[in-house]
């Protein structure tokens, strides 16, 4: 169930990130746009990769990368908000926060199972 939610939320987040990056490029903030695009879309890509793990360690690793990318994405969004470069919709921030929470739960649960 969590995988389906993560798949849907991370895809929706990626679509929103692409729109934000388009707005950033219109304001000649290309470097920020590139960094945000990489981190924001990488979340979903790593979540998708976790659906086909080679082992429980690989599964945890993919989710951990997604969580790191989510943290970086949060940084770029915080910077954009602080500098008021473009408007960030509240839903984008809510989706990102939700993804981070679910990833943390899945990683922690998987680590416990791995130890058993």
PDB file of N, CA and C in Angstrom:
ATOM      1  N   UNK A   1       0.823  -1.200   0.000  1.00  0.00           N
ATOM      2  CA  UNK A   1       0.000   0.000   0.000  1.00  0.00           C
ATOM      3  C   UNK A   1       0.863   1.258   0.000  1.00  0.00           C
ATOM      4  N   UNK A   2       1.911   1.276   0.858  1.00  0.00           N
ATOM      5  CA  UNK A   2       2.780   2.450   0.928  1.00  0.00           C
ATOM      6  C   UNK A   2       3.472   2.695  -0.410  1.00  0.00           C
ATOM      7  N   UNK A   3       3.819   1.585  -1.113  1.00  0.00           N
ATOM      8  CA  UNK A   3       4.493   1.724  -2.396  1.00  0.00           C
ATOM      9  C   UNK A   3       3.615   2.432  -3.419  1.00  0.00           C
ATOM     10  N   UNK A   4       2.334   2.109  -3.430  1.00  0.00           N
ATOM     11  CA  UNK A   4       1.413   2.754  -4.369  1.00  0.00           C
ATOM     12  C   UNK A   4       1.279   4.233  -4.042  1.00  0.00           C
ATOM     13  N   UNK A   5       1.159   4.552  -2.763  1.00  0.00           N
ATOM     14  CA  UNK A   5       1.064   5.953  -2.344  1.00  0.00           C
ATOM     15  C   UNK A   5       2.338   6.692  -2.725  1.00  0.00           C
ATOM     16  N   UNK A   6       3.492   6.093  -2.449  1.00  0.00           N
ATOM     17  CA  UNK A   6       4.766   6.728  -2.800  1.00  0.00           C
ATOM     18  C   UNK A   6       4.889   6.920  -4.302  1.00  0.00           C
ATOM     19  N   UNK A   7       4.494   5.922  -5.066  1.00  0.00           N
ATOM     20  CA  UNK A   7       4.561   6.005  -6.522  1.00  0.00           C
ATOM     21  C   UNK A   7       3.724   7.179  -7.027  1.00  0.00           C
ATOM     22  N   UNK A   8       2.500   7.282  -6.546  1.00  0.00           N
ATOM     23  CA  UNK A   8       1.597   8.351  -6.991  1.00  0.00           C
ATOM     24  C   UNK A   8       2.070   9.720  -6.514  1.00  0.00           C
ATOM     25  N   UNK A   9       2.423   9.823  -5.256  1.00  0.00           N
ATOM     26  CA  UNK A   9       2.850  11.112  -4.694  1.00  0.00           C
ATOM     27  C   UNK A   9       4.154  11.590  -5.323  1.00  0.00           C
ATOM     28  N   UNK A  10       5.106  10.672  -5.516  1.00  0.00           N
ATOM     29  CA  UNK A  10       6.390  11.093  -6.074  1.00  0.00           C
ATOM     30  C   UNK A  10       6.246  11.498  -7.538  1.00  0.00           C
ATOM     31  N   UNK A  11       5.335  10.846  -8.269  1.00  0.00           N
ATOM     32  CA  UNK A  11       5.096  11.228  -9.658  1.00  0.00           C
ATOM     33  C   UNK A  11       4.438  12.606  -9.722  1.00  0.00           C
ATOM     34  N   UNK A  12       3.438  12.827  -8.866  1.00  0.00           N
ATOM     35  CA  UNK A  12       2.786  14.144  -8.817  1.00  0.00           C
ATOM     36  C   UNK A  12       3.789  15.227  -8.423  1.00  0.00           C
ATOM     37  N   UNK A  13       4.661  14.912  -7.472  1.00  0.00           N
ATOM     38  CA  UNK A  13       5.695  15.858  -7.061  1.00  0.00           C
ATOM     39  C   UNK A  13       6.613  16.179  -8.233  1.00  0.00           C
ATOM     40  N   UNK A  14       7.023  15.160  -8.980  1.00  0.00           N
ATOM     41  CA  UNK A  14       7.900  15.382 -10.137  1.00  0.00           C
ATOM     42  C   UNK A  14       7.247  16.316 -11.156  1.00  0.00           C
ATOM     43  N   UNK A  15       5.968  16.117 -11.404  1.00  0.00           N
ATOM     44  CA  UNK A  15       5.257  16.997 -12.343  1.00  0.00           C
ATOM     45  C   UNK A  15       5.255  18.446 -11.844  1.00  0.00           C
ATOM     46  N   UNK A  16       5.017  18.617 -10.561  1.00  0.00           N
ATOM     47  CA  UNK A  16       5.040  19.969  -9.975  1.00  0.00           C
ATOM     48  C   UNK A  16       6.435  20.577 -10.047  1.00  0.00           C
ATOM     49  N   UNK A  17       7.449  19.775  -9.775  1.00  0.00           N
ATOM     50  CA  UNK A  17       8.835  20.249  -9.820  1.00  0.00           C
ATOM     51  C   UNK A  17       9.185  20.712 -11.226  1.00  0.00           C
ATOM     52  N   UNK A  18       8.759  19.971 -12.224  1.00  0.00           N
ATOM     53  CA  UNK A  18       9.009  20.372 -13.618  1.00  0.00           C
ATOM     54  C   UNK A  18       8.389  21.737 -13.892  1.00  0.00           C
ATOM     55  N   UNK A  19       7.161  21.955 -13.419  1.00  0.00           N
ATOM     56  CA  UNK A  19       6.505  23.261 -13.608  1.00  0.00           C
ATOM     57  C   UNK A  19       7.262  24.379 -12.897  1.00  0.00           C
ATOM     58  N   UNK A  20       7.708  24.104 -11.680  1.00  0.00           N
ATOM     59  CA  UNK A  20       8.473  25.107 -10.927  1.00  0.00           C
ATOM     60  C   UNK A  20       9.768  25.431 -11.668  1.00  0.00           C
ATOM     61  N   UNK A  21      10.425  24.410 -12.176  1.00  0.00           N
ATOM     62  CA  UNK A  21      11.682  24.619 -12.900  1.00  0.00           C
ATOM     63  C   UNK A  21      11.467  25.431 -14.171  1.00  0.00           C
ATOM     64  N   UNK A  22      10.351  25.211 -14.853  1.00  0.00           N
ATOM     65  CA  UNK A  22      10.023  26.031 -16.024  1.00  0.00           C
ATOM     66  C   UNK A  22       9.906  27.499 -15.624  1.00  0.00           C
ATOM     67  N   UNK A  23       9.262  27.759 -14.499  1.00  0.00           N
ATOM     68  CA  UNK A  23       9.126  29.134 -14.002  1.00  0.00           C
ATOM     69  C   UNK A  23      10.481  29.720 -13.620  1.00  0.00           C
ATOM     70  N   UNK A  24      11.336  28.904 -13.015  1.00  0.00           N
ATOM     71  CA  UNK A  24      12.672  29.365 -12.636  1.00  0.00           C
ATOM     72  C   UNK A  24      13.493  29.739 -13.871  1.00  0.00           C
ATOM     73  N   UNK A  25      13.394  28.931 -14.903  1.00  0.00           N
ATOM     74  CA  UNK A  25      14.143  29.214 -16.126  1.00  0.00           C
ATOM     75  C   UNK A  25      13.677  30.518 -16.776  1.00  0.00           C
ATOM     76  N   UNK A  26      12.393  30.808 -16.688  1.00  0.00           N
ATOM     77  CA  UNK A  26      11.866  32.067 -17.228  1.00  0.00           C
ATOM     78  C   UNK A  26      12.433  33.269 -16.484  1.00  0.00           C
ATOM     79  N   UNK A  27      12.851  33.038 -15.237  1.00  0.00           N
ATOM     80  CA  UNK A  27      13.447  34.110 -14.427  1.00  0.00           C
ATOM     81  C   UNK A  27      14.968  34.043 -14.444  1.00  0.00           C
ATOM     82  N   UNK A  28      15.508  33.273 -15.370  1.00  0.00           N
ATOM     83  CA  UNK A  28      16.964  33.096 -15.539  1.00  0.00           C
ATOM     84  C   UNK A  28      17.648  32.535 -14.287  1.00  0.00           C
ATOM     85  N   UNK A  29      16.960  31.661 -13.600  1.00  0.00           N
ATOM     86  CA  UNK A  29      17.515  30.970 -12.428  1.00  0.00           C
ATOM     87  C   UNK A  29      17.809  29.524 -12.829  1.00  0.00           C
ATOM     88  N   UNK A  30      18.587  29.371 -13.901  1.00  0.00           N
ATOM     89  CA  UNK A  30      18.825  28.062 -14.494  1.00  0.00           C
ATOM     90  C   UNK A  30      19.569  27.099 -13.580  1.00  0.00           C
ATOM     91  N   UNK A  31      20.546  27.583 -12.830  1.00  0.00           N
ATOM     92  CA  UNK A  31      21.319  26.691 -11.951  1.00  0.00           C
ATOM     93  C   UNK A  31      20.413  26.094 -10.877  1.00  0.00           C
ATOM     94  N   UNK A  32      19.586  26.927 -10.269  1.00  0.00           N
ATOM     95  CA  UNK A  32      18.655  26.429  -9.250  1.00  0.00           C
ATOM     96  C   UNK A  32      17.661  25.467  -9.892  1.00  0.00           C
ATOM     97  N   UNK A  33      17.195  25.808 -11.094  1.00  0.00           N
ATOM     98  CA  UNK A  33      16.242  24.946 -11.795  1.00  0.00           C
ATOM     99  C   UNK A  33      16.839  23.568 -12.048  1.00  0.00           C
ATOM    100  N   UNK A  34      18.077  23.524 -12.484  1.00  0.00           N
ATOM    101  CA  UNK A  34      18.732  22.243 -12.766  1.00  0.00           C
ATOM    102  C   UNK A  34      18.867  21.414 -11.491  1.00  0.00           C
ATOM    103  N   UNK A  35      19.324  22.053 -10.415  1.00  0.00           N
ATOM    104  CA  UNK A  35      19.507  21.331  -9.151  1.00  0.00           C
ATOM    105  C   UNK A  35      18.175  20.805  -8.620  1.00  0.00           C
ATOM    106  N   UNK A  36      17.154  21.639  -8.674  1.00  0.00           N
ATOM    107  CA  UNK A  36      15.835  21.228  -8.199  1.00  0.00           C
ATOM    108  C   UNK A  36      15.262  20.118  -9.077  1.00  0.00           C
ATOM    109  N   UNK A  37      15.432  20.247 -10.378  1.00  0.00           N
ATOM    110  CA  UNK A  37      14.925  19.224 -11.297  1.00  0.00           C
ATOM    111  C   UNK A  37      15.580  17.873 -11.035  1.00  0.00           C
ATOM    112  N   UNK A  38      16.885  17.887 -10.836  1.00  0.00           N
ATOM    113  CA  UNK A  38      17.601  16.628 -10.572  1.00  0.00           C
ATOM    114  C   UNK A  38      17.128  15.978  -9.273  1.00  0.00           C
ATOM    115  N   UNK A  39      17.111  16.752  -8.204  1.00  0.00           N
ATOM    116  CA  UNK A  39      16.743  16.168  -6.911  1.00  0.00           C
ATOM    117  C   UNK A  39      15.257  15.825  -6.850  1.00  0.00           C
ATOM    118  N   UNK A  40      14.420  16.707  -7.373  1.00  0.00           N
ATOM    119  CA  UNK A  40      12.972  16.499  -7.288  1.00  0.00           C
ATOM    120  C   UNK A  40      12.455  15.321  -8.083  1.00  0.00           C
ATOM    121  N   UNK A  41      13.050  15.081  -9.256  1.00  0.00           N
ATOM    122  CA  UNK A  41      12.595  13.954 -10.072  1.00  0.00           C
ATOM    123  C   UNK A  41      13.308  12.649  -9.695  1.00  0.00           C
ATOM    124  N   UNK A  42      14.461  12.771  -9.072  1.00  0.00           N
ATOM    125  CA  UNK A  42      15.203  11.585  -8.648  1.00  0.00           C
ATOM    126  C   UNK A  42      14.481  10.834  -7.528  1.00  0.00           C
ATOM    127  N   UNK A  43      13.684  11.544  -6.762  1.00  0.00           N
ATOM    128  CA  UNK A  43      12.935  10.902  -5.670  1.00  0.00           C
ATOM    129  C   UNK A  43      12.086   9.764  -6.234  1.00  0.00           C
ATOM    130  N   UNK A  44      11.261  10.090  -7.209  1.00  0.00           N
ATOM    131  CA  UNK A  44      10.373   9.098  -7.818  1.00  0.00           C
ATOM    132  C   UNK A  44      11.123   7.998  -8.544  1.00  0.00           C
ATOM    133  N   UNK A  45      12.210   8.371  -9.216  1.00  0.00           N
ATOM    134  CA  UNK A  45      12.999   7.370  -9.942  1.00  0.00           C
ATOM    135  C   UNK A  45      13.560   6.322  -8.982  1.00  0.00           C
ATOM    136  N   UNK A  46      14.068   6.762  -7.838  1.00  0.00           N
ATOM    137  CA  UNK A  46      14.620   5.820  -6.857  1.00  0.00           C
ATOM    138  C   UNK A  46      13.524   5.007  -6.176  1.00  0.00           C
ATOM    139  N   UNK A  47      12.388   5.614  -5.961  1.00  0.00           N
ATOM    140  CA  UNK A  47      11.262   4.869  -5.397  1.00  0.00           C
ATOM    141  C   UNK A  47      10.847   3.765  -6.362  1.00  0.00           C
ATOM    142  N   UNK A  48      10.771   4.096  -7.645  1.00  0.00           N
ATOM    143  CA  UNK A  48      10.420   3.082  -8.656  1.00  0.00           C
ATOM    144  C   UNK A  48      11.453   1.965  -8.693  1.00  0.00           C
ATOM    145  N   UNK A  49      12.731   2.321  -8.603  1.00  0.00           N
ATOM    146  CA  UNK A  49      13.779   1.289  -8.598  1.00  0.00           C
ATOM    147  C   UNK A  49      13.631   0.360  -7.398  1.00  0.00           C
ATOM    148  N   UNK A  50      13.131   0.894  -6.284  1.00  0.00           N
ATOM    149  CA  UNK A  50      12.986   0.070  -5.076  1.00  0.00           C
ATOM    150  C   UNK A  50      11.920  -1.009  -5.231  1.00  0.00           C
ATOM    151  N   UNK A  51      11.080  -0.913  -6.256  1.00  0.00           N
ATOM    152  CA  UNK A  51      10.056  -1.936  -6.479  1.00  0.00           C
ATOM    153  C   UNK A  51      10.663  -3.259  -6.941  1.00  0.00           C
ATOM    154  N   UNK A  52      11.896  -3.204  -7.452  1.00  0.00           N
ATOM    155  CA  UNK A  52      12.548  -4.406  -7.984  1.00  0.00           C
ATOM    156  C   UNK A  52      13.939  -4.580  -7.368  1.00  0.00           C
ATOM    157  N   UNK A  53      13.991  -4.729  -6.059  1.00  0.00           N
ATOM    158  CA  UNK A  53      15.298  -4.821  -5.391  1.00  0.00           C
ATOM    159  C   UNK A  53      15.953  -6.181  -5.614  1.00  0.00           C
ATOM    160  N   UNK A  54      17.257  -6.165  -5.559  1.00  0.00           N
ATOM    161  CA  UNK A  54      18.010  -7.410  -5.639  1.00  0.00           C
ATOM    162  C   UNK A  54      18.106  -8.076  -4.268  1.00  0.00           C
ATOM    163  N   UNK A  55      17.914  -7.284  -3.229  1.00  0.00           N
ATOM    164  CA  UNK A  55      17.973  -7.787  -1.859  1.00  0.00           C
ATOM    165  C   UNK A  55      17.308  -6.752  -0.953  1.00  0.00           C
ATOM    166  N   UNK A  56      17.138  -7.091   0.310  1.00  0.00           N
ATOM    167  CA  UNK A  56      16.577  -6.136   1.262  1.00  0.00           C
ATOM    168  C   UNK A  56      17.525  -4.952   1.440  1.00  0.00           C
ATOM    169  N   UNK A  57      18.833  -5.213   1.370  1.00  0.00           N
ATOM    170  CA  UNK A  57      19.814  -4.128   1.463  1.00  0.00           C
ATOM    171  C   UNK A  57      19.682  -3.168   0.283  1.00  0.00           C
ATOM    172  N   UNK A  58      19.449  -3.722  -0.910  1.00  0.00           N
ATOM    173  CA  UNK A  58      19.263  -2.893  -2.100  1.00  0.00           C
ATOM    174  C   UNK A  58      17.995  -2.053  -1.973  1.00  0.00           C
ATOM    175  N   UNK A  59      16.938  -2.658  -1.458  1.00  0.00           N
ATOM    176  CA  UNK A  59      15.668  -1.953  -1.228  1.00  0.00           C
ATOM    177  C   UNK A  59      15.882  -0.765  -0.286  1.00  0.00           C
ATOM    178  N   UNK A  60      16.531  -1.017   0.823  1.00  0.00           N
ATOM    179  CA  UNK A  60      16.813   0.039   1.801  1.00  0.00           C
ATOM    180  C   UNK A  60      17.684   1.123   1.175  1.00  0.00           C
ATOM    181  N   UNK A  61      18.663   0.704   0.406  1.00  0.00           N
ATOM    182  CA  UNK A  61      19.574   1.659  -0.246  1.00  0.00           C
ATOM    183  C   UNK A  61      18.813   2.583  -1.199  1.00  0.00           C
ATOM    184  N   UNK A  62      17.940   2.026  -2.029  1.00  0.00           N
ATOM    185  CA  UNK A  62      17.165   2.846  -2.981  1.00  0.00           C
ATOM    186  C   UNK A  62      16.270   3.836  -2.244  1.00  0.00           C
ATOM    187  N   UNK A  63      15.615   3.370  -1.188  1.00  0.00           N
ATOM    188  CA  UNK A  63      14.749   4.269  -0.411  1.00  0.00           C
ATOM    189  C   UNK A  63      15.570   5.334   0.312  1.00  0.00           C
ATOM    190  N   UNK A  64      16.760   4.971   0.756  1.00  0.00           N
ATOM    191  CA  UNK A  64      17.635   5.945   1.424  1.00  0.00           C
ATOM    192  C   UNK A  64      18.093   7.026   0.453  1.00  0.00           C
ATOM    193  N   UNK A  65      18.392   6.631  -0.766  1.00  0.00           N
ATOM    194  CA  UNK A  65      18.763   7.628  -1.782  1.00  0.00           C
ATOM    195  C   UNK A  65      17.573   8.554  -2.045  1.00  0.00           C
ATOM    196  N   UNK A  66      16.376   7.972  -2.158  1.00  0.00           N
ATOM    197  CA  UNK A  66      15.177   8.788  -2.378  1.00  0.00           C
ATOM    198  C   UNK A  66      14.986   9.781  -1.232  1.00  0.00           C
ATOM    199  N   UNK A  67      15.234   9.321  -0.004  1.00  0.00           N
ATOM    200  CA  UNK A  67      15.088  10.213   1.157  1.00  0.00           C
ATOM    201  C   UNK A  67      16.123  11.340   1.116  1.00  0.00           C
ATOM    202  N   UNK A  68      17.359  11.030   0.716  1.00  0.00           N
ATOM    203  CA  UNK A  68      18.396  12.064   0.591  1.00  0.00           C
ATOM    204  C   UNK A  68      18.032  13.075  -0.490  1.00  0.00           C
ATOM    205  N   UNK A  69      17.523  12.575  -1.611  1.00  0.00           N
ATOM    206  CA  UNK A  69      17.112  13.468  -2.695  1.00  0.00           C
ATOM    207  C   UNK A  69      15.944  14.349  -2.251  1.00  0.00           C
ATOM    208  N   UNK A  70      15.046  13.788  -1.448  1.00  0.00           N
ATOM    209  CA  UNK A  70      13.923  14.569  -0.926  1.00  0.00           C
ATOM    210  C   UNK A  70      14.420  15.692  -0.018  1.00  0.00           C
ATOM    211  N   UNK A  71      15.438  15.401   0.760  1.00  0.00           N
ATOM    212  CA  UNK A  71      16.028  16.422   1.626  1.00  0.00           C
ATOM    213  C   UNK A  71      16.663  17.538   0.796  1.00  0.00           C
ATOM    214  N   UNK A  72      17.374  17.142  -0.257  1.00  0.00           N
ATOM    215  CA  UNK A  72      17.974  18.159  -1.124  1.00  0.00           C
ATOM    216  C   UNK A  72      16.888  18.980  -1.826  1.00  0.00           C
ATOM    217  N   UNK A  73      15.856  18.314  -2.280  1.00  0.00           N
ATOM    218  CA  UNK A  73      14.741  19.007  -2.919  1.00  0.00           C
ATOM    219  C   UNK A  73      14.133  20.025  -1.957  1.00  0.00           C
ATOM    220  N   UNK A  74      13.968  19.612  -0.706  1.00  0.00           N
ATOM    221  CA  UNK A  74      13.437  20.514   0.328  1.00  0.00           C
ATOM    222  C   UNK A  74      14.323  21.747   0.470  1.00  0.00           C
ATOM    223  N   UNK A  75      15.642  21.559   0.427  1.00  0.00           N
ATOM    224  CA  UNK A  75      16.579  22.678   0.520  1.00  0.00           C
ATOM    225  C   UNK A  75      16.334  23.679  -0.608  1.00  0.00           C
ATOM    226  N   UNK A  76      16.251  23.179  -1.847  1.00  0.00           N
ATOM    227  CA  UNK A  76      16.071  24.091  -2.982  1.00  0.00           C
ATOM    228  C   UNK A  76      14.727  24.797  -2.913  1.00  0.00           C
ATOM    229  N   UNK A  77      13.691  24.095  -2.497  1.00  0.00           N
ATOM    230  CA  UNK A  77      12.383  24.739  -2.354  1.00  0.00           C
ATOM    231  C   UNK A  77      12.417  25.799  -1.252  1.00  0.00           C
ATOM    232  N   UNK A  78      13.074  25.493  -0.141  1.00  0.00           N
ATOM    233  CA  UNK A  78      13.209  26.477   0.944  1.00  0.00           C
ATOM    234  C   UNK A  78      13.948  27.722   0.472  1.00  0.00           C
ATOM    235  N   UNK A  79      14.981  27.522  -0.321  1.00  0.00           N
ATOM    236  CA  UNK A  79      15.752  28.650  -0.868  1.00  0.00           C
ATOM    237  C   UNK A  79      14.888  29.506  -1.794  1.00  0.00           C
ATOM    238  N   UNK A  80      14.141  28.846  -2.650  1.00  0.00           N
ATOM    239  CA  UNK A  80      13.253  29.561  -3.578  1.00  0.00           C
ATOM    240  C   UNK A  80      12.211  30.364  -2.810  1.00  0.00           C
ATOM    241  N   UNK A  81      11.657  29.754  -1.769  1.00  0.00           N
ATOM    242  CA  UNK A  81      10.656  30.439  -0.942  1.00  0.00           C
ATOM    243  C   UNK A  81      11.288  31.621  -0.198  1.00  0.00           C
ATOM    244  N   UNK A  82      12.460  31.404   0.388  1.00  0.00           N
ATOM    245  CA  UNK A  82      13.137  32.457   1.159  1.00  0.00           C
ATOM    246  C   UNK A  82      13.471  33.668   0.292  1.00  0.00           C
ATOM    247  N   UNK A  83      13.879  33.418  -0.943  1.00  0.00           N
ATOM    248  CA  UNK A  83      14.242  34.504  -1.856  1.00  0.00           C
ATOM    249  C   UNK A  83      13.050  34.996  -2.681  1.00  0.00           C
ATOM    250  N   UNK A  84      11.902  34.345  -2.484  1.00  0.00           N
ATOM    251  CA  UNK A  84      10.672  34.701  -3.208  1.00  0.00           C
ATOM    252  C   UNK A  84      10.907  34.755  -4.719  1.00  0.00           C
ATOM    253  N   UNK A  85      11.579  33.735  -5.220  1.00  0.00           N
ATOM    254  CA  UNK A  85      11.910  33.686  -6.647  1.00  0.00           C
ATOM    255  C   UNK A  85      10.671  33.341  -7.470  1.00  0.00           C
ATOM    256  N   UNK A  86       9.982  32.267  -7.094  1.00  0.00           N
ATOM    257  CA  UNK A  86       8.707  31.897  -7.717  1.00  0.00           C
ATOM    258  C   UNK A  86       7.792  31.371  -6.620  1.00  0.00           C
ATOM    259  N   UNK A  87       6.498  31.347  -6.900  1.00  0.00           N
ATOM    260  CA  UNK A  87       5.528  30.855  -5.922  1.00  0.00           C
ATOM    261  C   UNK A  87       5.551  29.328  -5.903  1.00  0.00           C
ATOM    262  N   UNK A  88       5.614  28.782  -4.708  1.00  0.00           N
ATOM    263  CA  UNK A  88       5.553  27.344  -4.501  1.00  0.00           C
ATOM    264  C   UNK A  88       4.202  27.032  -3.858  1.00  0.00           C
ATOM    265  N   UNK A  89       3.442  26.173  -4.495  1.00  0.00           N
ATOM    266  CA  UNK A  89       2.131  25.803  -3.961  1.00  0.00           C
ATOM    267  C   UNK A  89       2.286  24.996  -2.675  1.00  0.00           C
ATOM    268  N   UNK A  90       1.382  25.215  -1.743  1.00  0.00           N
ATOM    269  CA  UNK A  90       1.410  24.480  -0.473  1.00  0.00           C
ATOM    270  C   UNK A  90       1.336  22.970  -0.682  1.00  0.00           C
ATOM    271  N   UNK A  91       0.606  22.544  -1.718  1.00  0.00           N
ATOM    272  CA  UNK A  91       0.454  21.109  -1.966  1.00  0.00           C
ATOM    273  C   UNK A  91       1.799  20.457  -2.280  1.00  0.00           C
ATOM    274  N   UNK A  92       2.677  21.176  -2.969  1.00  0.00           N
ATOM    275  CA  UNK A  92       4.009  20.634  -3.282  1.00  0.00           C
ATOM    276  C   UNK A  92       4.753  20.341  -1.987  1.00  0.00           C
ATOM    277  N   UNK A  93       4.716  21.274  -1.066  1.00  0.00           N
ATOM    278  CA  UNK A  93       5.401  21.095   0.211  1.00  0.00           C
ATOM    279  C   UNK A  93       4.761  19.985   1.039  1.00  0.00           C
ATOM    280  N   UNK A  94       3.440  19.890   1.001  1.00  0.00           N
ATOM    281  CA  UNK A  94       2.751  18.820   1.728  1.00  0.00           C
ATOM    282  C   UNK A  94       3.107  17.457   1.152  1.00  0.00           C
ATOM    283  N   UNK A  95       3.124  17.357  -0.182  1.00  0.00           N
ATOM    284  CA  UNK A  95       3.475  16.085  -0.813  1.00  0.00           C
ATOM    285  C   UNK A  95       4.901  15.679  -0.460  1.00  0.00           C
ATOM    286  N   UNK A  96       5.816  16.635  -0.502  1.00  0.00           N
ATOM    287  CA  UNK A  96       7.206  16.333  -0.184  1.00  0.00           C
ATOM    288  C   UNK A  96       7.347  15.872   1.264  1.00  0.00           C
ATOM    289  N   UNK A  97       6.691  16.552   2.179  1.00  0.00           N
ATOM    290  CA  UNK A  97       6.729  16.166   3.592  1.00  0.00           C
ATOM    291  C   UNK A  97       6.150  14.772   3.789  1.00  0.00           C
ATOM    292  N   UNK A  98       5.051  14.492   3.125  1.00  0.00           N
ATOM    293  CA  UNK A  98       4.423  13.171   3.237  1.00  0.00           C
ATOM    294  C   UNK A  98       5.356  12.088   2.708  1.00  0.00           C
ATOM    295  N   UNK A  99       5.977  12.323   1.571  1.00  0.00           N
ATOM    296  CA  UNK A  99       6.924  11.362   0.987  1.00  0.00           C
ATOM    297  C   UNK A  99       8.076  11.105   1.949  1.00  0.00           C
ATOM    298  N   UNK A 100       8.612  12.176   2.534  1.00  0.00           N
ATOM    299  CA  UNK A 100       9.732  12.019   3.470  1.00  0.00           C
ATOM    300  C   UNK A 100       9.325  11.169   4.672  1.00  0.00           C
ATOM    301  N   UNK A 101       8.133  11.385   5.199  1.00  0.00           N
ATOM    302  CA  UNK A 101       7.666  10.617   6.358  1.00  0.00           C
ATOM    303  C   UNK A 101       7.489   9.143   6.017  1.00  0.00           C
ATOM    304  N   UNK A 102       6.865   8.872   4.876  1.00  0.00           N
ATOM    305  CA  UNK A 102       6.640   7.479   4.481  1.00  0.00           C
ATOM    306  C   UNK A 102       7.968   6.782   4.201  1.00  0.00           C
ATOM    307  N   UNK A 103       8.890   7.470   3.538  1.00  0.00           N
ATOM    308  CA  UNK A 103      10.205   6.887   3.288  1.00  0.00           C
ATOM    309  C   UNK A 103      10.913   6.524   4.588  1.00  0.00           C
ATOM    310  N   UNK A 104      10.860   7.409   5.553  1.00  0.00           N
ATOM    311  CA  UNK A 104      11.506   7.158   6.839  1.00  0.00           C
ATOM    312  C   UNK A 104      10.894   5.932   7.521  1.00  0.00           C
ATOM    313  N   UNK A 105       9.578   5.827   7.490  1.00  0.00           N
ATOM    314  CA  UNK A 105       8.905   4.677   8.093  1.00  0.00           C
ATOM    315  C   UNK A 105       9.309   3.392   7.385  1.00  0.00           C
ATOM    316  N   UNK A 106       9.289   3.403   6.045  1.00  0.00           N
ATOM    317  CA  UNK A 106       9.654   2.202   5.288  1.00  0.00           C
ATOM    318  C   UNK A 106      11.098   1.788   5.524  1.00  0.00           C
ATOM    319  N   UNK A 107      11.991   2.750   5.567  1.00  0.00           N
ATOM    320  CA  UNK A 107      13.410   2.444   5.802  1.00  0.00           C
ATOM    321  C   UNK A 107      13.597   1.835   7.185  1.00  0.00           C
ATOM    322  N   UNK A 108      13.013   2.478   8.189  1.00  0.00           N
ATOM    323  CA  UNK A 108      13.158   1.975   9.560  1.00  0.00           C
ATOM    324  C   UNK A 108      12.554   0.583   9.728  1.00  0.00           C
ATOM    325  N   UNK A 109      11.380   0.364   9.144  1.00  0.00           N
ATOM    326  CA  UNK A 109      10.726  -0.941   9.216  1.00  0.00           C
ATOM    327  C   UNK A 109      11.566  -1.997   8.507  1.00  0.00           C
ATOM    328  N   UNK A 110      12.110  -1.652   7.340  1.00  0.00           N
ATOM    329  CA  UNK A 110      12.930  -2.596   6.584  1.00  0.00           C
ATOM    330  C   UNK A 110      14.210  -2.944   7.307  1.00  0.00           C
ATOM    331  N   UNK A 111      14.803  -1.964   7.967  1.00  0.00           N
ATOM    332  CA  UNK A 111      16.023  -2.239   8.726  1.00  0.00           C
ATOM    333  C   UNK A 111      15.742  -3.198   9.870  1.00  0.00           C
ATOM    334  N   UNK A 112      14.602  -3.053  10.517  1.00  0.00           N
ATOM    335  CA  UNK A 112      14.229  -3.966  11.605  1.00  0.00           C
ATOM    336  C   UNK A 112      14.027  -5.379  11.072  1.00  0.00           C
ATOM    337  N   UNK A 113      13.354  -5.490   9.923  1.00  0.00           N
ATOM    338  CA  UNK A 113      13.121  -6.806   9.319  1.00  0.00           C
ATOM    339  C   UNK A 113      14.446  -7.454   8.908  1.00  0.00           C
ATOM    340  N   UNK A 114      15.349  -6.644   8.424  1.00  0.00           N
ATOM    341  CA  UNK A 114      16.648  -7.157   7.967  1.00  0.00           C
ATOM    342  C   UNK A 114      17.424  -7.782   9.132  1.00  0.00           C
ATOM    343  N   UNK A 115      17.290  -7.195  10.307  1.00  0.00           N
ATOM    344  CA  UNK A 115      17.996  -7.682  11.492  1.00  0.00           C
ATOM    345  C   UNK A 115      17.421  -8.995  11.999  1.00  0.00           C
ATOM    346  N   UNK A 116      16.163  -9.255  11.685  1.00  0.00           N
ATOM    347  CA  UNK A 116      15.502 -10.472  12.207  1.00  0.00           C
ATOM    348  C   UNK A 116      15.986 -11.716  11.530  1.00  0.00           C
TER     349      UNK A 116
END
